[in-house]
Amino acid sequence: MSKINVNTVTPSSSGDTLTLGASGDAVLVPSGATLKANKIFDAGGNNIITSDGSGNLTVNGNMAGDMVLVTTQAFDNVASLEIKASATTGFNTDYPIYILKLINVHPETDDGTLQLDFSDDDGSSYAVTKTTVLSRSYRTMSDGTAAVGIMTSGYMRGDNTGAAWLATADCDRADNSYQGDIWLFNLGSASIYKYFWGALLSQHPEGAGATDISMYGNWSAGRLKTTSDIDAIKILSSAGNITGQIKLFGIN
């Protein structure tokens, strides 16, 4: 077997394809060696994986699976975070289901309540009529007090245009945050109503200035009374700003 030692192998002309081996051959990369490439194609010249050289990958759709990352957005001390179809490729008609993941979303003001709102005019207004419900369970960390219930006064929408509540009031402690998922159904439909449901975790002190903390599980759900497609959504707090990160996935 012949052996050639080189530092770099390039095609004869810039932009040409470099072929290693012929049909039926096997090209082996031994243990401990590294093969670096920004593009991988199949034998027919079809793209399998493309990298921009910084770790951001474009993967052939047949390999992506049913859950596809649409966008990742970080935000710092903002009044709200909007996701608009006009600015976000893959939102709102590409998938029948979306999952919005909230990661370390921190309220900057005490007793703010996390909310979700919807627009059918790309964020020019948020006036979609909705009916929503919010329930929660909690356990106080010190004495084990616990309860489960449906929130009523001030936490539900009955066929009106106010923002939907995703959780009950939260605290601005540095170690506190919202974590969870919101599922969005049929946002791009022009013939049926839309639905959502969410599950979020949070914590809150029991009483003003209290050090006794309760752990909350919050479950929200709602119907959007419109057959227009929803082309913008907004995460906000009922009081003050928010900081954190979201990831939006589309489900085929």
Protein backbone atom coordinates (compact mmCIF):
# COMPACT_ATOMS: atom_id res chain seq x y z
CA MET A 1 0.00 0.00 0.00
CA SER A 2 1.35 3.41 -1.00
CA LYS A 3 1.48 6.28 1.48
CA ILE A 4 1.58 10.01 0.79
CA ASN A 5 2.18 12.58 3.54
CA VAL A 6 0.70 16.02 2.86
CA ASN A 7 -0.67 18.91 4.93
CA THR A 8 -3.30 20.08 2.43
CA VAL A 9 -5.20 18.52 -0.47
CA THR A 10 -7.13 20.89 -2.75
CA PRO A 11 -8.88 20.52 -6.12
CA SER A 12 -7.07 21.74 -9.23
CA SER A 13 -9.31 24.81 -9.47
CA SER A 14 -11.00 26.83 -6.74
CA GLY A 15 -14.62 25.79 -6.34
CA ASP A 16 -14.15 22.38 -7.97
CA THR A 17 -15.15 19.16 -6.26
CA LEU A 18 -12.39 17.04 -4.71
CA THR A 19 -13.11 13.33 -5.14
CA LEU A 20 -11.40 10.75 -2.94
CA GLY A 21 -11.46 7.26 -4.40
CA ALA A 22 -13.68 5.78 -7.07
CA SER A 23 -16.96 3.92 -7.08
CA GLY A 24 -16.72 0.93 -4.74
CA ASP A 25 -13.69 2.26 -2.89
CA ALA A 26 -13.60 2.96 0.82
CA VAL A 27 -11.83 6.03 2.20
CA LEU A 28 -10.79 5.41 5.79
CA VAL A 29 -10.00 8.02 8.44
CA PRO A 30 -7.92 6.25 11.10
CA SER A 31 -8.56 6.58 14.82
CA GLY A 32 -7.11 9.80 16.21
CA ALA A 33 -7.15 11.60 12.85
CA THR A 34 -9.46 14.53 12.03
CA LEU A 35 -11.20 15.19 8.72
CA LYS A 36 -12.47 18.77 8.41
CA ALA A 37 -15.05 19.79 5.79
CA ASN A 38 -17.71 22.47 5.47
CA LYS A 39 -19.80 20.50 2.95
CA ILE A 40 -20.70 16.85 2.60
CA PHE A 41 -22.47 15.63 -0.56
CA ASP A 42 -23.77 12.24 -1.62
CA ALA A 43 -22.65 10.49 -4.80
CA GLY A 44 -25.29 12.33 -6.79
CA GLY A 45 -24.02 15.74 -5.71
CA ASN A 46 -26.91 16.36 -3.33
CA ASN A 47 -26.10 18.32 -0.19
CA ILE A 48 -26.19 16.33 3.06
CA ILE A 49 -24.65 18.82 5.52
CA THR A 50 -23.27 22.35 5.01
CA SER A 51 -21.45 24.32 7.70
CA ASP A 52 -20.67 28.03 7.64
CA GLY A 53 -17.35 27.28 9.32
CA SER A 54 -18.59 28.54 12.68
CA GLY A 55 -20.63 25.51 13.70
CA ASN A 56 -23.97 26.58 12.21
CA LEU A 57 -25.28 23.70 10.10
CA THR A 58 -27.73 23.40 7.25
CA VAL A 59 -28.96 19.81 7.10
CA ASN A 60 -30.78 18.09 4.27
CA GLY A 61 -34.49 18.21 5.08
CA ASN A 62 -34.78 14.43 4.80
CA MET A 63 -32.39 14.13 7.75
CA ALA A 64 -33.87 16.89 9.90
CA GLY A 65 -36.66 14.77 11.36
CA ASP A 66 -40.12 15.95 12.37
CA MET A 67 -38.93 18.61 14.85
CA VAL A 68 -37.10 21.50 13.19
CA LEU A 69 -35.51 24.51 14.91
CA VAL A 70 -37.02 27.68 13.41
CA THR A 71 -35.34 30.38 15.51
CA THR A 72 -33.36 31.01 18.69
CA GLN A 73 -33.63 34.44 20.29
CA ALA A 74 -32.02 35.84 23.42
CA PHE A 75 -33.37 39.02 25.03
CA ASP A 76 -32.15 41.22 27.86
CA ASN A 77 -34.39 43.48 29.98
CA VAL A 78 -36.99 44.10 27.26
CA ALA A 79 -40.68 44.95 27.51
CA SER A 80 -41.61 42.07 25.17
CA LEU A 81 -40.26 39.59 22.65
CA GLU A 82 -42.00 39.34 19.29
CA ILE A 83 -41.73 36.63 16.64
CA LYS A 84 -43.07 37.79 13.28
CA ALA A 85 -43.58 35.87 10.06
CA SER A 86 -42.13 38.80 8.09
CA ALA A 87 -38.83 38.50 9.96
CA THR A 88 -38.65 34.78 10.77
CA THR A 89 -38.25 32.19 8.02
CA GLY A 90 -40.35 29.12 8.80
CA PHE A 91 -43.01 30.94 10.83
CA ASN A 92 -46.12 30.76 10.53
CA THR A 93 -47.38 28.58 7.69
CA ASP A 94 -44.57 26.04 7.29
CA TYR A 95 -45.69 23.74 10.13
CA PRO A 96 -49.06 22.72 11.60
CA ILE A 97 -47.62 22.73 15.13
CA TYR A 98 -45.03 24.95 16.81
CA ILE A 99 -43.36 24.51 20.19
CA LEU A 100 -42.09 27.64 21.91
CA LYS A 101 -39.52 26.77 24.58
CA LEU A 102 -38.90 29.32 27.34
CA ILE A 103 -35.41 29.06 28.82
CA ASN A 104 -34.38 30.98 31.94
CA VAL A 105 -36.96 33.73 31.35
CA HIS A 106 -36.47 36.07 34.29
CA PRO A 107 -38.93 38.79 35.39
CA GLU A 108 -37.19 42.10 36.08
CA THR A 109 -40.08 43.40 38.23
CA ASP A 110 -41.62 41.71 41.26
CA ASP A 111 -45.17 40.33 40.88
CA GLY A 112 -45.14 40.54 37.09
CA THR A 113 -47.21 37.88 35.33
CA LEU A 114 -45.94 36.21 32.16
CA GLN A 115 -48.32 36.57 29.21
CA LEU A 116 -48.70 35.55 25.56
CA ASP A 117 -50.46 37.49 22.82
CA PHE A 118 -51.25 36.97 19.14
CA SER A 119 -51.51 39.12 16.00
CA ASP A 120 -53.04 38.55 12.56
CA ASP A 121 -51.47 41.68 11.01
CA ASP A 122 -47.74 40.96 11.54
CA GLY A 123 -47.61 42.70 14.91
CA SER A 124 -49.25 45.99 13.97
CA SER A 125 -51.85 45.18 16.62
CA TYR A 126 -52.52 42.42 19.11
CA ALA A 127 -56.30 42.25 19.18
CA VAL A 128 -57.21 38.62 18.44
CA THR A 129 -60.28 37.49 20.40
CA LYS A 130 -59.47 34.60 22.71
CA THR A 131 -60.88 32.42 25.46
CA THR A 132 -58.27 31.13 27.92
CA VAL A 133 -57.89 29.22 31.16
CA LEU A 134 -55.05 28.96 33.69
CA SER A 135 -54.59 26.38 36.43
CA ARG A 136 -51.75 25.80 38.85
CA SER A 137 -50.40 23.57 41.55
CA TYR A 138 -47.89 24.61 44.19
CA ARG A 139 -45.94 23.41 47.17
CA THR A 140 -44.34 25.62 49.82
CA MET A 141 -40.76 24.52 50.32
CA SER A 142 -40.52 24.94 54.09
CA ASP A 143 -43.72 23.42 55.52
CA GLY A 144 -45.00 21.35 52.60
CA THR A 145 -48.27 23.27 52.16
CA ALA A 146 -49.70 22.34 48.75
CA ALA A 147 -52.76 23.04 46.61
CA VAL A 148 -54.19 22.60 43.12
CA GLY A 149 -56.75 24.88 41.50
CA ILE A 150 -58.11 26.77 38.53
CA MET A 151 -57.32 30.47 38.59
CA THR A 152 -60.40 32.64 38.14
CA SER A 153 -60.35 36.32 39.02
CA GLY A 154 -58.11 38.22 36.63
CA TYR A 155 -56.37 35.17 35.13
CA MET A 156 -58.77 34.04 32.38
CA ARG A 157 -60.10 35.56 29.18
CA GLY A 158 -63.71 35.10 28.15
CA ASP A 159 -64.02 35.93 24.47
CA ASN A 160 -61.99 39.15 24.64
CA THR A 161 -58.75 40.52 23.20
CA GLY A 162 -56.50 40.77 26.28
CA ALA A 163 -53.21 38.87 26.49
CA ALA A 164 -53.37 35.30 27.76
CA TRP A 165 -51.82 34.49 31.14
CA LEU A 166 -49.18 31.76 31.12
CA ALA A 167 -48.54 31.74 34.87
CA THR A 168 -49.50 33.44 38.11
CA ALA A 169 -47.48 36.30 39.58
CA ASP A 170 -43.76 35.67 39.87
CA CYS A 171 -40.86 37.23 41.75
CA ASP A 172 -37.76 39.06 40.57
CA ARG A 173 -35.28 37.16 42.74
CA ALA A 174 -31.96 36.71 40.94
CA ASP A 175 -32.28 32.92 41.20
CA ASN A 176 -35.81 32.76 39.78
CA SER A 177 -36.96 32.11 36.21
CA TYR A 178 -39.75 30.63 34.09
CA GLN A 179 -39.00 27.34 32.33
CA GLY A 180 -41.32 25.42 30.03
CA ASP A 181 -43.09 24.86 26.71
CA ILE A 182 -45.97 26.44 24.83
CA TRP A 183 -47.60 24.46 22.01
CA LEU A 184 -49.25 26.40 19.16
CA PHE A 185 -51.64 24.70 16.74
CA ASN A 186 -52.65 25.60 13.16
CA LEU A 187 -51.35 29.18 13.24
CA GLY A 188 -51.21 29.32 9.44
CA SER A 189 -54.74 28.04 8.83
CA ALA A 190 -57.18 30.34 7.04
CA SER A 191 -60.22 28.18 7.80
CA ILE A 192 -60.22 27.04 11.44
CA TYR A 193 -59.71 28.50 14.92
CA LYS A 194 -56.30 28.24 16.56
CA TYR A 195 -55.39 26.69 19.91
CA PHE A 196 -52.51 26.77 22.37
CA TRP A 197 -51.53 25.15 25.64
CA GLY A 198 -48.54 25.65 27.88
CA ALA A 199 -46.75 24.16 30.87
CA LEU A 200 -44.40 26.43 32.85
CA LEU A 201 -42.48 26.13 36.11
CA SER A 202 -41.88 29.12 38.39
CA GLN A 203 -41.45 30.12 42.03
CA HIS A 204 -42.74 32.88 44.27
CA PRO A 205 -42.26 34.04 47.88
CA GLU A 206 -45.30 33.68 50.15
CA GLY A 207 -46.08 37.27 51.11
CA ALA A 208 -44.27 40.57 50.73
CA GLY A 209 -40.60 40.24 51.60
CA ALA A 210 -41.04 36.58 52.50
CA THR A 211 -38.14 34.17 52.35
CA ASP A 212 -40.42 31.11 52.24
CA ILE A 213 -40.61 30.11 48.56
CA SER A 214 -43.32 28.12 46.80
CA MET A 215 -42.71 26.06 43.68
CA TYR A 216 -45.46 26.46 41.04
CA GLY A 217 -46.58 24.36 38.12
CA ASN A 218 -48.67 26.47 35.70
CA TRP A 219 -50.88 25.06 32.94
CA SER A 220 -52.49 27.37 30.40
CA ALA A 221 -54.72 26.75 27.39
CA GLY A 222 -56.79 28.79 24.99
CA ARG A 223 -58.69 29.16 21.75
CA LEU A 224 -58.13 32.02 19.29
CA LYS A 225 -61.46 32.96 17.75
CA THR A 226 -60.23 33.78 14.26
CA THR A 227 -59.88 32.01 10.93
CA SER A 228 -57.19 34.48 9.84
CA ASP A 229 -53.64 33.17 9.98
CA ILE A 230 -51.64 34.20 13.05
CA ASP A 231 -48.42 35.81 11.80
CA ALA A 232 -46.93 37.24 15.02
CA ILE A 233 -46.75 36.25 18.67
CA LYS A 234 -45.49 38.19 21.68
CA ILE A 235 -44.16 37.17 25.09
CA LEU A 236 -44.44 39.86 27.76
CA SER A 237 -44.88 40.53 31.46
CA SER A 238 -47.88 42.28 32.99
CA ALA A 239 -45.42 44.46 34.92
CA GLY A 240 -41.88 45.42 33.93
CA ASN A 241 -39.39 43.81 31.59
CA ILE A 242 -38.14 40.27 30.97
CA THR A 243 -34.77 38.65 30.25
CA GLY A 244 -34.06 35.19 28.86
CA GLN A 245 -34.05 33.02 25.77
CA ILE A 246 -36.59 31.24 23.56
CA LYS A 247 -36.31 28.50 20.98
CA LEU A 248 -39.10 28.00 18.45
CA PHE A 249 -39.48 24.59 16.81
CA GLY A 250 -41.76 23.54 13.98
CA ILE A 251 -43.35 20.06 13.99
CA ASN A 252 -44.07 18.36 10.66
